[in-house]
Structures are given as structure tokens and as C-alpha cells.
Amino acid sequence: MRQNNFSNTNSKVCSENTTILPALKEHFESSMNLVRIRLISILITSLCKLQTVTFERLAIGFDSTSDKDSSLRRIQRFFAGYLLDFDLISRLIFKLISKEDKIGLCMDRTNCKFGEANINILAIGVVYQGL
């Protein structure tokens, strides 16, 4: 079996051997099917490795025999057609963080206009071990 090596110059992310997959399976298996859990695992690993949120770049990083356009459509379909349970995700994050370690919160707000609609986004993130 192939192991992930983040120092490797290869931008591909192995979907089967990410260290986060078992934790995701344990946490989400009652509310999500395995295909979605694996996709989330690939996305998280790809996000960490490639350090981008651009779907096109993340799709290139997938370790798959599929064409990058197929991987891109897979990501787009997931975000367009599946409603993530953010309460479940926040419980996972705090389950993975050691209770003895300190965490920080970071906040960012942006405003943009889409046609006539003003879009105001507030994002709050957890800072853990410098990430």
C-alpha cells in the first residue's frame, strides 16, 4: 500500500491511506455514506498539501485514475448537492484536538456584490498547533 508523504514533490493525494480517514469514518459513518467520507478525506488532505481552496487545483491533487475534470465535477457536485452538518463537523474538530492543548480562534469577514445582492461572509476558524 502506498503511504502519503507530504514532503514528496508529487501533488497527488492518496485517497485510501490518509491518516484522517479512520477518524472520519468513525465520526460520520452514521450520518454519511463511505463515498462522501472518502471524498472529505481526500479534500482535507489535498487542502493541507496543496494549500489552496480552488476546486480546480484540488481536483488535480486527487490520486485517481479519473480525469481531473471528473474530479472537479465530483467536488462541485458534493458542495452543490450535499448539506454539511456543521454541528457534526465542529464536534469532530474538538474531538481530534487534545484537551490539554491551547486553541485560538481566528475570524475574517468579507463583503462582495453578486449582481444586485450583497454577500457578507463571516468565517471563524480554529488555530491549533500553529495551523
N, C-alpha and C. Protein backbone atom coordinates (compact mmCIF):
# COMPACT_ATOMS: atom_id res chain seq x y z
N MET A 1 0.84 -1.19 0.00
CA MET A 1 0.00 0.00 0.00
C MET A 1 0.87 1.24 0.00
N ARG A 2 0.41 2.25 -0.69
CA ARG A 2 1.15 3.49 -0.79
C ARG A 2 0.86 4.39 0.41
N GLN A 3 1.87 4.99 0.97
CA GLN A 3 1.69 5.90 2.10
C GLN A 3 1.82 7.33 1.62
N ASN A 4 1.06 8.25 2.27
CA ASN A 4 1.21 9.66 1.97
C ASN A 4 2.55 10.15 2.46
N ASN A 5 3.17 10.96 1.67
CA ASN A 5 4.42 11.59 2.06
C ASN A 5 4.32 13.04 1.65
N PHE A 6 4.03 13.92 2.63
CA PHE A 6 3.77 15.30 2.31
C PHE A 6 5.03 16.04 1.88
N SER A 7 6.20 15.51 2.12
CA SER A 7 7.41 16.16 1.65
C SER A 7 7.71 15.79 0.20
N ASN A 8 6.99 14.82 -0.32
CA ASN A 8 7.15 14.40 -1.71
C ASN A 8 6.72 15.54 -2.63
N THR A 9 7.39 15.70 -3.76
CA THR A 9 7.04 16.77 -4.69
C THR A 9 5.82 16.42 -5.53
N ASN A 10 5.41 15.18 -5.53
CA ASN A 10 4.21 14.77 -6.25
C ASN A 10 3.00 15.43 -5.60
N SER A 11 2.14 16.04 -6.42
CA SER A 11 0.97 16.75 -5.88
C SER A 11 -0.23 15.84 -5.70
N LYS A 12 -0.11 14.58 -6.02
CA LYS A 12 -1.23 13.66 -5.87
C LYS A 12 -1.44 13.32 -4.40
N VAL A 13 -2.69 13.17 -4.03
CA VAL A 13 -3.05 12.83 -2.66
C VAL A 13 -3.70 11.47 -2.67
N CYS A 14 -3.14 10.54 -1.92
CA CYS A 14 -3.67 9.18 -1.89
C CYS A 14 -4.96 9.14 -1.09
N SER A 15 -6.03 8.61 -1.68
CA SER A 15 -7.34 8.61 -1.04
C SER A 15 -7.51 7.48 -0.03
N GLU A 16 -6.79 6.41 -0.17
CA GLU A 16 -7.01 5.25 0.68
C GLU A 16 -6.20 5.28 1.98
N ASN A 17 -5.09 5.98 2.00
CA ASN A 17 -4.19 5.85 3.13
C ASN A 17 -3.98 7.15 3.90
N THR A 18 -4.94 8.04 3.86
CA THR A 18 -4.79 9.24 4.65
C THR A 18 -5.02 8.89 6.11
N THR A 19 -4.31 9.54 6.98
CA THR A 19 -4.43 9.23 8.39
C THR A 19 -5.74 9.73 8.98
N ILE A 20 -6.42 10.63 8.30
CA ILE A 20 -7.67 11.15 8.82
C ILE A 20 -8.88 10.28 8.48
N LEU A 21 -8.76 9.43 7.48
CA LEU A 21 -9.89 8.61 7.04
C LEU A 21 -10.51 7.77 8.15
N PRO A 22 -9.73 7.05 8.97
CA PRO A 22 -10.36 6.27 10.05
C PRO A 22 -11.15 7.13 11.04
N ALA A 23 -10.63 8.31 11.36
CA ALA A 23 -11.34 9.19 12.28
C ALA A 23 -12.63 9.70 11.65
N LEU A 24 -12.58 10.02 10.36
CA LEU A 24 -13.78 10.48 9.67
C LEU A 24 -14.82 9.37 9.58
N LYS A 25 -14.36 8.15 9.27
CA LYS A 25 -15.29 7.02 9.18
C LYS A 25 -16.00 6.79 10.51
N GLU A 26 -15.23 6.81 11.58
CA GLU A 26 -15.81 6.58 12.91
C GLU A 26 -16.83 7.67 13.26
N HIS A 27 -16.51 8.89 12.93
CA HIS A 27 -17.35 10.02 13.32
C HIS A 27 -18.59 10.19 12.43
N PHE A 28 -18.44 9.97 11.13
CA PHE A 28 -19.51 10.27 10.18
C PHE A 28 -20.31 9.07 9.70
N GLU A 29 -19.89 7.83 10.02
CA GLU A 29 -20.50 6.67 9.40
C GLU A 29 -22.00 6.55 9.65
N SER A 30 -22.50 7.11 10.74
CA SER A 30 -23.94 7.01 10.99
C SER A 30 -24.75 8.05 10.22
N SER A 31 -24.07 9.07 9.67
CA SER A 31 -24.81 10.14 9.00
C SER A 31 -24.42 10.35 7.54
N MET A 32 -23.42 9.61 7.05
CA MET A 32 -22.91 9.85 5.70
C MET A 32 -22.39 8.55 5.11
N ASN A 33 -22.54 8.39 3.80
CA ASN A 33 -22.05 7.16 3.18
C ASN A 33 -20.53 7.23 2.99
N LEU A 34 -19.92 6.07 2.77
CA LEU A 34 -18.47 5.95 2.70
C LEU A 34 -17.87 6.74 1.54
N VAL A 35 -18.58 6.84 0.43
CA VAL A 35 -18.07 7.59 -0.73
C VAL A 35 -17.87 9.05 -0.34
N ARG A 36 -18.83 9.64 0.36
CA ARG A 36 -18.71 11.03 0.79
C ARG A 36 -17.61 11.19 1.84
N ILE A 37 -17.51 10.22 2.73
CA ILE A 37 -16.46 10.28 3.76
C ILE A 37 -15.08 10.25 3.10
N ARG A 38 -14.91 9.39 2.12
CA ARG A 38 -13.62 9.33 1.41
C ARG A 38 -13.33 10.63 0.68
N LEU A 39 -14.35 11.22 0.06
CA LEU A 39 -14.15 12.49 -0.63
C LEU A 39 -13.72 13.58 0.35
N ILE A 40 -14.36 13.64 1.50
CA ILE A 40 -13.96 14.63 2.50
C ILE A 40 -12.52 14.38 2.94
N SER A 41 -12.14 13.13 3.12
CA SER A 41 -10.77 12.79 3.48
C SER A 41 -9.78 13.26 2.42
N ILE A 42 -10.11 13.01 1.17
CA ILE A 42 -9.24 13.45 0.07
C ILE A 42 -9.16 14.96 0.04
N LEU A 43 -10.30 15.63 0.21
CA LEU A 43 -10.31 17.09 0.18
C LEU A 43 -9.48 17.69 1.31
N ILE A 44 -9.62 17.18 2.52
CA ILE A 44 -8.85 17.70 3.65
C ILE A 44 -7.36 17.51 3.41
N THR A 45 -6.99 16.33 2.97
CA THR A 45 -5.58 16.04 2.71
C THR A 45 -5.05 16.91 1.58
N SER A 46 -5.83 17.07 0.54
CA SER A 46 -5.43 17.90 -0.59
C SER A 46 -5.32 19.37 -0.18
N LEU A 47 -6.26 19.83 0.63
CA LEU A 47 -6.20 21.21 1.14
C LEU A 47 -4.91 21.45 1.92
N CYS A 48 -4.57 20.51 2.79
CA CYS A 48 -3.35 20.65 3.60
C CYS A 48 -2.09 20.60 2.73
N LYS A 49 -2.08 19.72 1.78
CA LYS A 49 -0.89 19.55 0.96
C LYS A 49 -0.72 20.67 -0.06
N LEU A 50 -1.79 21.02 -0.75
CA LEU A 50 -1.70 22.00 -1.83
C LEU A 50 -1.91 23.43 -1.36
N GLN A 51 -2.45 23.59 -0.17
CA GLN A 51 -2.67 24.91 0.44
C GLN A 51 -3.45 25.84 -0.46
N THR A 52 -4.56 25.35 -0.96
CA THR A 52 -5.45 26.14 -1.80
C THR A 52 -6.88 25.67 -1.58
N VAL A 53 -7.84 26.55 -1.84
CA VAL A 53 -9.24 26.16 -1.77
C VAL A 53 -9.87 26.15 -3.15
N THR A 54 -9.07 26.39 -4.17
CA THR A 54 -9.56 26.40 -5.54
C THR A 54 -9.88 24.98 -5.98
N PHE A 55 -11.14 24.75 -6.35
CA PHE A 55 -11.57 23.40 -6.72
C PHE A 55 -10.73 22.82 -7.85
N GLU A 56 -10.37 23.62 -8.83
CA GLU A 56 -9.60 23.13 -9.97
C GLU A 56 -8.24 22.59 -9.52
N ARG A 57 -7.58 23.30 -8.61
CA ARG A 57 -6.29 22.84 -8.11
C ARG A 57 -6.44 21.61 -7.23
N LEU A 58 -7.47 21.59 -6.40
CA LEU A 58 -7.70 20.42 -5.54
C LEU A 58 -7.97 19.18 -6.38
N ALA A 59 -8.69 19.33 -7.47
CA ALA A 59 -9.00 18.20 -8.35
C ALA A 59 -7.73 17.62 -8.96
N ILE A 60 -6.78 18.47 -9.29
CA ILE A 60 -5.50 17.99 -9.84
C ILE A 60 -4.76 17.15 -8.81
N GLY A 61 -4.92 17.47 -7.52
CA GLY A 61 -4.22 16.76 -6.46
C GLY A 61 -4.81 15.42 -6.09
N PHE A 62 -5.96 15.07 -6.63
CA PHE A 62 -6.58 13.78 -6.31
C PHE A 62 -5.76 12.64 -6.90
N ASP A 63 -5.52 11.62 -6.11
CA ASP A 63 -4.84 10.42 -6.59
C ASP A 63 -5.91 9.49 -7.16
N SER A 64 -6.13 9.60 -8.43
CA SER A 64 -7.23 8.87 -9.05
C SER A 64 -6.89 8.60 -10.50
N THR A 65 -7.47 7.54 -11.03
CA THR A 65 -7.31 7.27 -12.45
C THR A 65 -8.27 8.13 -13.26
N SER A 66 -9.18 8.80 -12.57
CA SER A 66 -10.14 9.67 -13.25
C SER A 66 -9.45 10.92 -13.79
N ASP A 67 -10.03 11.45 -14.82
CA ASP A 67 -9.57 12.71 -15.40
C ASP A 67 -9.77 13.83 -14.38
N LYS A 68 -8.92 14.85 -14.43
CA LYS A 68 -9.04 15.96 -13.47
C LYS A 68 -10.39 16.65 -13.59
N ASP A 69 -10.96 16.70 -14.80
CA ASP A 69 -12.28 17.30 -14.97
C ASP A 69 -13.36 16.49 -14.25
N SER A 70 -13.21 15.18 -14.21
CA SER A 70 -14.15 14.32 -13.48
C SER A 70 -14.04 14.57 -11.98
N SER A 71 -12.80 14.71 -11.49
CA SER A 71 -12.60 15.01 -10.08
C SER A 71 -13.17 16.38 -9.73
N LEU A 72 -12.99 17.34 -10.62
CA LEU A 72 -13.56 18.67 -10.41
C LEU A 72 -15.08 18.60 -10.32
N ARG A 73 -15.71 17.88 -11.23
CA ARG A 73 -17.17 17.75 -11.19
C ARG A 73 -17.62 17.04 -9.92
N ARG A 74 -16.84 16.09 -9.44
CA ARG A 74 -17.15 15.38 -8.20
C ARG A 74 -17.17 16.36 -7.02
N ILE A 75 -16.17 17.23 -6.96
CA ILE A 75 -16.11 18.24 -5.90
C ILE A 75 -17.29 19.19 -6.01
N GLN A 76 -17.55 19.67 -7.22
CA GLN A 76 -18.65 20.61 -7.44
C GLN A 76 -20.00 20.00 -7.06
N ARG A 77 -20.23 18.75 -7.46
CA ARG A 77 -21.50 18.08 -7.12
C ARG A 77 -21.64 17.94 -5.61
N PHE A 78 -20.54 17.61 -4.94
CA PHE A 78 -20.60 17.44 -3.48
C PHE A 78 -21.03 18.74 -2.82
N PHE A 79 -20.39 19.85 -3.16
CA PHE A 79 -20.71 21.10 -2.49
C PHE A 79 -22.04 21.68 -2.94
N ALA A 80 -22.46 21.39 -4.16
CA ALA A 80 -23.74 21.90 -4.65
C ALA A 80 -24.92 21.09 -4.14
N GLY A 81 -24.71 19.78 -3.95
CA GLY A 81 -25.85 18.92 -3.66
C GLY A 81 -25.90 18.30 -2.29
N TYR A 82 -24.93 18.61 -1.42
CA TYR A 82 -24.93 17.97 -0.11
C TYR A 82 -24.83 19.03 0.97
N LEU A 83 -25.72 19.00 1.92
CA LEU A 83 -25.72 19.95 3.01
C LEU A 83 -24.91 19.38 4.17
N LEU A 84 -23.77 19.99 4.43
CA LEU A 84 -22.91 19.53 5.52
C LEU A 84 -23.52 19.91 6.86
N ASP A 85 -23.44 19.02 7.82
CA ASP A 85 -23.90 19.28 9.18
C ASP A 85 -22.74 19.91 9.94
N PHE A 86 -22.76 21.24 10.07
CA PHE A 86 -21.64 21.94 10.68
C PHE A 86 -21.50 21.65 12.17
N ASP A 87 -22.59 21.29 12.82
CA ASP A 87 -22.52 20.89 14.22
C ASP A 87 -21.71 19.60 14.36
N LEU A 88 -21.95 18.65 13.45
CA LEU A 88 -21.21 17.39 13.45
C LEU A 88 -19.74 17.63 13.15
N ILE A 89 -19.45 18.54 12.23
CA ILE A 89 -18.06 18.86 11.89
C ILE A 89 -17.36 19.52 13.06
N SER A 90 -18.02 20.45 13.74
CA SER A 90 -17.38 21.10 14.89
C SER A 90 -17.10 20.11 16.01
N ARG A 91 -18.02 19.15 16.21
CA ARG A 91 -17.77 18.12 17.23
C ARG A 91 -16.57 17.26 16.85
N LEU A 92 -16.40 16.97 15.56
CA LEU A 92 -15.23 16.21 15.11
C LEU A 92 -13.95 16.98 15.38
N ILE A 93 -13.93 18.26 15.06
CA ILE A 93 -12.73 19.07 15.27
C ILE A 93 -12.32 19.05 16.73
N PHE A 94 -13.28 19.26 17.62
CA PHE A 94 -12.93 19.30 19.04
C PHE A 94 -12.63 17.91 19.60
N LYS A 95 -13.12 16.87 18.95
CA LYS A 95 -12.77 15.50 19.34
C LYS A 95 -11.31 15.20 18.99
N LEU A 96 -10.84 15.75 17.87
CA LEU A 96 -9.47 15.50 17.41
C LEU A 96 -8.43 16.32 18.17
N ILE A 97 -8.85 17.43 18.76
CA ILE A 97 -7.92 18.31 19.47
C ILE A 97 -7.77 17.84 20.91
N SER A 98 -6.53 17.78 21.36
CA SER A 98 -6.25 17.38 22.74
C SER A 98 -6.80 18.44 23.70
N LYS A 99 -7.41 18.01 24.77
CA LYS A 99 -7.99 18.94 25.75
C LYS A 99 -6.92 19.73 26.50
N GLU A 100 -5.69 19.21 26.55
CA GLU A 100 -4.62 19.91 27.24
C GLU A 100 -4.00 21.03 26.40
N ASP A 101 -4.15 20.94 25.09
CA ASP A 101 -3.55 21.94 24.20
C ASP A 101 -4.41 23.19 24.12
N LYS A 102 -3.73 24.30 23.94
CA LYS A 102 -4.44 25.56 23.77
C LYS A 102 -4.86 25.71 22.32
N ILE A 103 -6.03 26.31 22.13
CA ILE A 103 -6.50 26.63 20.78
C ILE A 103 -6.77 28.12 20.71
N GLY A 104 -6.77 28.62 19.51
CA GLY A 104 -7.13 30.01 19.28
C GLY A 104 -8.23 30.05 18.24
N LEU A 105 -8.86 31.16 18.17
CA LEU A 105 -9.88 31.37 17.15
C LEU A 105 -9.43 32.50 16.25
N CYS A 106 -9.66 32.35 14.96
CA CYS A 106 -9.38 33.44 14.03
C CYS A 106 -10.67 33.75 13.30
N MET A 107 -10.83 35.02 12.97
CA MET A 107 -12.07 35.45 12.37
C MET A 107 -11.76 36.34 11.17
N ASP A 108 -12.55 36.18 10.13
CA ASP A 108 -12.38 37.01 8.95
C ASP A 108 -13.77 37.31 8.39
N ARG A 109 -13.93 38.52 7.90
CA ARG A 109 -15.20 38.90 7.30
C ARG A 109 -14.91 39.53 5.95
N THR A 110 -15.75 39.23 5.01
CA THR A 110 -15.63 39.84 3.69
C THR A 110 -17.01 40.18 3.17
N ASN A 111 -17.07 41.14 2.30
CA ASN A 111 -18.32 41.54 1.69
C ASN A 111 -18.07 41.67 0.19
N CYS A 112 -18.96 41.13 -0.59
CA CYS A 112 -18.85 41.27 -2.04
C CYS A 112 -20.25 41.42 -2.62
N LYS A 113 -20.31 41.83 -3.84
CA LYS A 113 -21.59 42.02 -4.50
C LYS A 113 -21.70 41.03 -5.66
N PHE A 114 -22.81 40.31 -5.71
CA PHE A 114 -23.08 39.36 -6.79
C PHE A 114 -24.36 39.84 -7.46
N GLY A 115 -24.20 40.51 -8.59
CA GLY A 115 -25.36 41.15 -9.23
C GLY A 115 -25.85 42.26 -8.33
N GLU A 116 -27.10 42.20 -7.94
CA GLU A 116 -27.67 43.21 -7.03
C GLU A 116 -27.56 42.79 -5.56
N ALA A 117 -27.17 41.54 -5.32
CA ALA A 117 -27.15 41.01 -3.95
C ALA A 117 -25.81 41.29 -3.27
N ASN A 118 -25.88 41.80 -2.05
CA ASN A 118 -24.69 41.94 -1.22
C ASN A 118 -24.49 40.63 -0.48
N ILE A 119 -23.29 40.12 -0.53
CA ILE A 119 -22.96 38.88 0.16
C ILE A 119 -21.96 39.22 1.25
N ASN A 120 -22.33 38.95 2.47
CA ASN A 120 -21.49 39.23 3.62
C ASN A 120 -21.15 37.90 4.28
N ILE A 121 -19.88 37.57 4.35
CA ILE A 121 -19.45 36.27 4.88
C ILE A 121 -18.58 36.49 6.11
N LEU A 122 -18.94 35.82 7.19
CA LEU A 122 -18.14 35.81 8.41
C LEU A 122 -17.63 34.39 8.60
N ALA A 123 -16.32 34.24 8.69
CA ALA A 123 -15.73 32.91 8.89
C ALA A 123 -14.96 32.90 10.20
N ILE A 124 -15.16 31.86 10.97
CA ILE A 124 -14.43 31.68 12.22
C ILE A 124 -13.71 30.35 12.12
N GLY A 125 -12.43 30.35 12.42
CA GLY A 125 -11.63 29.14 12.34
C GLY A 125 -10.92 28.85 13.65
N VAL A 126 -10.49 27.63 13.81
CA VAL A 126 -9.74 27.20 14.99
C VAL A 126 -8.26 27.16 14.63
N VAL A 127 -7.44 27.77 15.46
CA VAL A 127 -5.98 27.71 15.28
C VAL A 127 -5.46 26.70 16.31
N TYR A 128 -4.84 25.65 15.79
CA TYR A 128 -4.34 24.57 16.64
C TYR A 128 -2.93 24.22 16.21
N GLN A 129 -2.01 24.27 17.12
CA GLN A 129 -0.59 23.99 16.87
C GLN A 129 -0.07 24.79 15.68
N GLY A 130 -0.47 26.05 15.62
CA GLY A 130 0.01 26.95 14.59
C GLY A 130 -0.69 26.85 13.25
N LEU A 131 -1.64 25.96 13.13
CA LEU A 131 -2.38 25.80 11.86
C LEU A 131 -3.83 26.18 12.06
